[in-house]
Amino acid sequence: MKAIIGHIILNVKDFNDSELFYDKLMMELGFKIDHIDQGDFGKMKSYKQAQHNLWIRFDNHKASEPFVRDVGLDHLAFELKTDNEVDKVYELIKKLNVTISREPRKYPEYTGSYYAFYFRDPNGIPLEVYKQ
């Protein structure tokens, strides 16, 4: 038996803000919009690349709490092939009016070639883009 991570769902506090952000980020990373669903429950949107699938979901019946980095998700990371690709995504993120936690730099404490930057989505969820 060999499993893959089938999908990750991120609950968002404002679907429209999150959709604008994730449409730009995920398209830049090579994902495609795979599915959109809307109903009494709220809204959902899926971004897919090969077997990898990330959803954003807004629940009409539940009030959102601020993201707390505690037990649960620490951050979500996207791996790219080159430093230049990381820099290209960084330039996009700078235009999206979100918090950048750490600008791009080498992290030799991880590996000799690790290059990354860290930021928060519009919901405060921590994200990373890196090249190992």
C-alpha atoms as a PDB file:
ATOM      1  CA  MET A   1       0.000   0.000   0.000  1.00  0.00           C
ATOM      2  CA  LYS A   2       1.207   3.502  -0.829  1.00  0.00           C
ATOM      3  CA  ALA A   3      -0.943   6.539  -0.086  1.00  0.00           C
ATOM      4  CA  ILE A   4      -0.598  10.115  -1.258  1.00  0.00           C
ATOM      5  CA  ILE A   5      -2.027  13.197   0.419  1.00  0.00           C
ATOM      6  CA  GLY A   6      -5.286  13.454  -1.482  1.00  0.00           C
ATOM      7  CA  HIS A   7      -6.163  17.035  -0.657  1.00  0.00           C
ATOM      8  CA  ILE A   8      -5.724  19.857   1.825  1.00  0.00           C
ATOM      9  CA  ILE A   9      -8.627  22.166   2.664  1.00  0.00           C
ATOM     10  CA  LEU A  10      -8.042  25.641   4.070  1.00  0.00           C
ATOM     11  CA  ASN A  11     -11.001  27.303   5.786  1.00  0.00           C
ATOM     12  CA  VAL A  12     -11.068  31.012   4.942  1.00  0.00           C
ATOM     13  CA  LYS A  13     -12.782  33.978   6.593  1.00  0.00           C
ATOM     14  CA  ASP A  14     -13.512  35.923   3.385  1.00  0.00           C
ATOM     15  CA  PHE A  15     -13.961  33.853   0.258  1.00  0.00           C
ATOM     16  CA  ASN A  16     -13.560  36.703  -2.233  1.00  0.00           C
ATOM     17  CA  ASP A  17     -10.276  37.986  -0.744  1.00  0.00           C
ATOM     18  CA  SER A  18      -8.933  34.448  -0.477  1.00  0.00           C
ATOM     19  CA  GLU A  19     -10.037  33.539  -3.982  1.00  0.00           C
ATOM     20  CA  LEU A  20      -8.246  36.559  -5.484  1.00  0.00           C
ATOM     21  CA  PHE A  21      -5.082  35.701  -3.542  1.00  0.00           C
ATOM     22  CA  TYR A  22      -5.082  31.953  -4.229  1.00  0.00           C
ATOM     23  CA  ASP A  23      -6.061  32.345  -7.896  1.00  0.00           C
ATOM     24  CA  LYS A  24      -2.915  34.412  -8.459  1.00  0.00           C
ATOM     25  CA  LEU A  25      -0.598  32.336  -6.264  1.00  0.00           C
ATOM     26  CA  MET A  26      -1.745  28.920  -7.414  1.00  0.00           C
ATOM     27  CA  MET A  27      -1.774  29.814 -11.121  1.00  0.00           C
ATOM     28  CA  GLU A  28       1.795  31.133 -10.758  1.00  0.00           C
ATOM     29  CA  LEU A  29       2.769  27.814  -9.143  1.00  0.00           C
ATOM     30  CA  GLY A  30       1.317  25.840 -12.059  1.00  0.00           C
ATOM     31  CA  PHE A  31      -1.967  24.720 -10.477  1.00  0.00           C
ATOM     32  CA  LYS A  32      -5.252  24.811 -12.367  1.00  0.00           C
ATOM     33  CA  ILE A  33      -8.730  25.506 -11.064  1.00  0.00           C
ATOM     34  CA  ASP A  34     -10.224  22.054 -10.745  1.00  0.00           C
ATOM     35  CA  HIS A  35     -13.646  22.543  -9.163  1.00  0.00           C
ATOM     36  CA  ILE A  36     -15.906  25.289  -7.795  1.00  0.00           C
ATOM     37  CA  ASP A  37     -18.924  24.590  -5.613  1.00  0.00           C
ATOM     38  CA  GLN A  38     -21.410  26.970  -4.023  1.00  0.00           C
ATOM     39  CA  GLY A  39     -24.601  26.382  -2.088  1.00  0.00           C
ATOM     40  CA  ASP A  40     -26.355  26.926   1.205  1.00  0.00           C
ATOM     41  CA  PHE A  41     -23.240  25.573   2.968  1.00  0.00           C
ATOM     42  CA  GLY A  42     -20.984  28.294   1.511  1.00  0.00           C
ATOM     43  CA  LYS A  43     -18.319  28.204  -1.217  1.00  0.00           C
ATOM     44  CA  MET A  44     -15.414  25.935  -2.134  1.00  0.00           C
ATOM     45  CA  LYS A  45     -12.735  26.108  -4.817  1.00  0.00           C
ATOM     46  CA  SER A  46     -10.107  23.553  -5.743  1.00  0.00           C
ATOM     47  CA  TYR A  47      -6.648  24.059  -7.254  1.00  0.00           C
ATOM     48  CA  LYS A  48      -5.016  20.941  -8.681  1.00  0.00           C
ATOM     49  CA  GLN A  49      -1.634  19.941 -10.073  1.00  0.00           C
ATOM     50  CA  ALA A  50      -0.992  16.245 -10.796  1.00  0.00           C
ATOM     51  CA  GLN A  51      -2.078  14.409  -7.625  1.00  0.00           C
ATOM     52  CA  HIS A  52      -1.858  17.525  -5.464  1.00  0.00           C
ATOM     53  CA  ASN A  53      -5.065  19.296  -4.585  1.00  0.00           C
ATOM     54  CA  LEU A  54      -5.581  22.406  -2.414  1.00  0.00           C
ATOM     55  CA  TRP A  55      -9.069  23.666  -1.577  1.00  0.00           C
ATOM     56  CA  ILE A  56     -10.253  26.917  -0.053  1.00  0.00           C
ATOM     57  CA  ARG A  57     -13.594  26.763   1.744  1.00  0.00           C
ATOM     58  CA  PHE A  58     -15.907  29.352   3.271  1.00  0.00           C
ATOM     59  CA  ASP A  59     -18.645  28.097   5.613  1.00  0.00           C
ATOM     60  CA  ASN A  60     -21.808  30.238   5.690  1.00  0.00           C
ATOM     61  CA  HIS A  61     -22.852  28.675   9.005  1.00  0.00           C
ATOM     62  CA  LYS A  62     -19.728  29.210  11.065  1.00  0.00           C
ATOM     63  CA  ALA A  63     -18.052  32.386  12.308  1.00  0.00           C
ATOM     64  CA  SER A  64     -14.317  32.567  11.602  1.00  0.00           C
ATOM     65  CA  GLU A  65     -11.745  32.789  14.369  1.00  0.00           C
ATOM     66  CA  PRO A  66      -8.290  34.277  13.755  1.00  0.00           C
ATOM     67  CA  PHE A  67      -5.647  31.726  12.722  1.00  0.00           C
ATOM     68  CA  VAL A  68      -3.624  30.512  15.703  1.00  0.00           C
ATOM     69  CA  ARG A  69      -0.340  28.717  15.143  1.00  0.00           C
ATOM     70  CA  ASP A  70      -0.837  26.066  17.802  1.00  0.00           C
ATOM     71  CA  VAL A  71      -1.683  22.390  17.670  1.00  0.00           C
ATOM     72  CA  GLY A  72      -2.569  21.748  14.024  1.00  0.00           C
ATOM     73  CA  LEU A  73      -1.186  23.370  10.907  1.00  0.00           C
ATOM     74  CA  ASP A  74       2.193  25.071  11.345  1.00  0.00           C
ATOM     75  CA  HIS A  75       2.594  26.175   7.714  1.00  0.00           C
ATOM     76  CA  LEU A  76       2.143  24.975   4.151  1.00  0.00           C
ATOM     77  CA  ALA A  77       5.193  24.984   1.859  1.00  0.00           C
ATOM     78  CA  PHE A  78       5.506  24.963  -1.933  1.00  0.00           C
ATOM     79  CA  GLU A  79       8.752  23.609  -3.415  1.00  0.00           C
ATOM     80  CA  LEU A  80      10.185  25.065  -6.610  1.00  0.00           C
ATOM     81  CA  LYS A  81      13.221  24.100  -8.703  1.00  0.00           C
ATOM     82  CA  THR A  82      15.321  27.310  -8.745  1.00  0.00           C
ATOM     83  CA  ASP A  83      16.100  30.425  -6.726  1.00  0.00           C
ATOM     84  CA  ASN A  84      14.808  32.477  -9.676  1.00  0.00           C
ATOM     85  CA  GLU A  85      11.403  30.767  -9.454  1.00  0.00           C
ATOM     86  CA  VAL A  86      11.271  31.565  -5.733  1.00  0.00           C
ATOM     87  CA  ASP A  87      12.133  35.204  -6.508  1.00  0.00           C
ATOM     88  CA  LYS A  88       9.432  35.374  -9.187  1.00  0.00           C
ATOM     89  CA  VAL A  89       6.756  34.203  -6.738  1.00  0.00           C
ATOM     90  CA  TYR A  90       8.106  36.634  -4.125  1.00  0.00           C
ATOM     91  CA  GLU A  91       7.611  39.533  -6.574  1.00  0.00           C
ATOM     92  CA  LEU A  92       3.994  38.412  -7.069  1.00  0.00           C
ATOM     93  CA  ILE A  93       3.352  38.089  -3.332  1.00  0.00           C
ATOM     94  CA  LYS A  94       4.706  41.601  -2.696  1.00  0.00           C
ATOM     95  CA  LYS A  95       1.914  42.936  -4.943  1.00  0.00           C
ATOM     96  CA  LEU A  96      -0.861  41.022  -3.143  1.00  0.00           C
ATOM     97  CA  ASN A  97      -0.899  43.136   0.034  1.00  0.00           C
ATOM     98  CA  VAL A  98      -0.228  40.327   2.519  1.00  0.00           C
ATOM     99  CA  THR A  99       2.275  40.041   5.349  1.00  0.00           C
ATOM    100  CA  ILE A 100       5.736  38.827   4.369  1.00  0.00           C
ATOM    101  CA  SER A 101       7.297  37.210   7.438  1.00  0.00           C
ATOM    102  CA  ARG A 102      10.779  36.646   5.989  1.00  0.00           C
ATOM    103  CA  GLU A 103      12.138  37.847   2.671  1.00  0.00           C
ATOM    104  CA  PRO A 104      13.975  35.425   0.356  1.00  0.00           C
ATOM    105  CA  ARG A 105      17.337  34.233   1.607  1.00  0.00           C
ATOM    106  CA  LYS A 106      19.517  31.142   1.973  1.00  0.00           C
ATOM    107  CA  TYR A 107      18.964  28.874   4.984  1.00  0.00           C
ATOM    108  CA  PRO A 108      22.218  26.883   5.299  1.00  0.00           C
ATOM    109  CA  GLU A 109      20.980  25.495   8.606  1.00  0.00           C
ATOM    110  CA  TYR A 110      18.413  23.473   6.576  1.00  0.00           C
ATOM    111  CA  THR A 111      20.574  22.456   3.591  1.00  0.00           C
ATOM    112  CA  GLY A 112      23.443  24.055   1.701  1.00  0.00           C
ATOM    113  CA  SER A 113      21.143  25.254  -1.088  1.00  0.00           C
ATOM    114  CA  TYR A 114      17.863  25.938   0.777  1.00  0.00           C
ATOM    115  CA  TYR A 115      16.405  29.269  -0.396  1.00  0.00           C
ATOM    116  CA  ALA A 116      13.012  30.444   0.837  1.00  0.00           C
ATOM    117  CA  PHE A 117      10.643  33.182   1.894  1.00  0.00           C
ATOM    118  CA  TYR A 118       7.693  33.095   4.280  1.00  0.00           C
ATOM    119  CA  PHE A 119       4.390  34.960   4.219  1.00  0.00           C
ATOM    120  CA  ARG A 120       0.774  34.869   5.410  1.00  0.00           C
ATOM    121  CA  ASP A 121      -2.310  34.476   3.257  1.00  0.00           C
ATOM    122  CA  PRO A 122      -5.233  36.946   3.768  1.00  0.00           C
ATOM    123  CA  ASN A 123      -6.478  34.706   6.613  1.00  0.00           C
ATOM    124  CA  GLY A 124      -3.154  34.717   8.456  1.00  0.00           C
ATOM    125  CA  ILE A 125      -2.290  31.149   7.419  1.00  0.00           C
ATOM    126  CA  PRO A 126       1.519  30.829   7.178  1.00  0.00           C
ATOM    127  CA  LEU A 127       2.939  29.804   3.807  1.00  0.00           C
ATOM    128  CA  GLU A 128       6.433  29.189   2.458  1.00  0.00           C
ATOM    129  CA  VAL A 129       7.914  29.052  -1.023  1.00  0.00           C
ATOM    130  CA  TYR A 130      11.311  27.375  -1.212  1.00  0.00           C
ATOM    131  CA  LYS A 131      13.982  25.698  -3.309  1.00  0.00           C
ATOM    132  CA  GLN A 132      15.875  22.905  -1.593  1.00  0.00           C
END
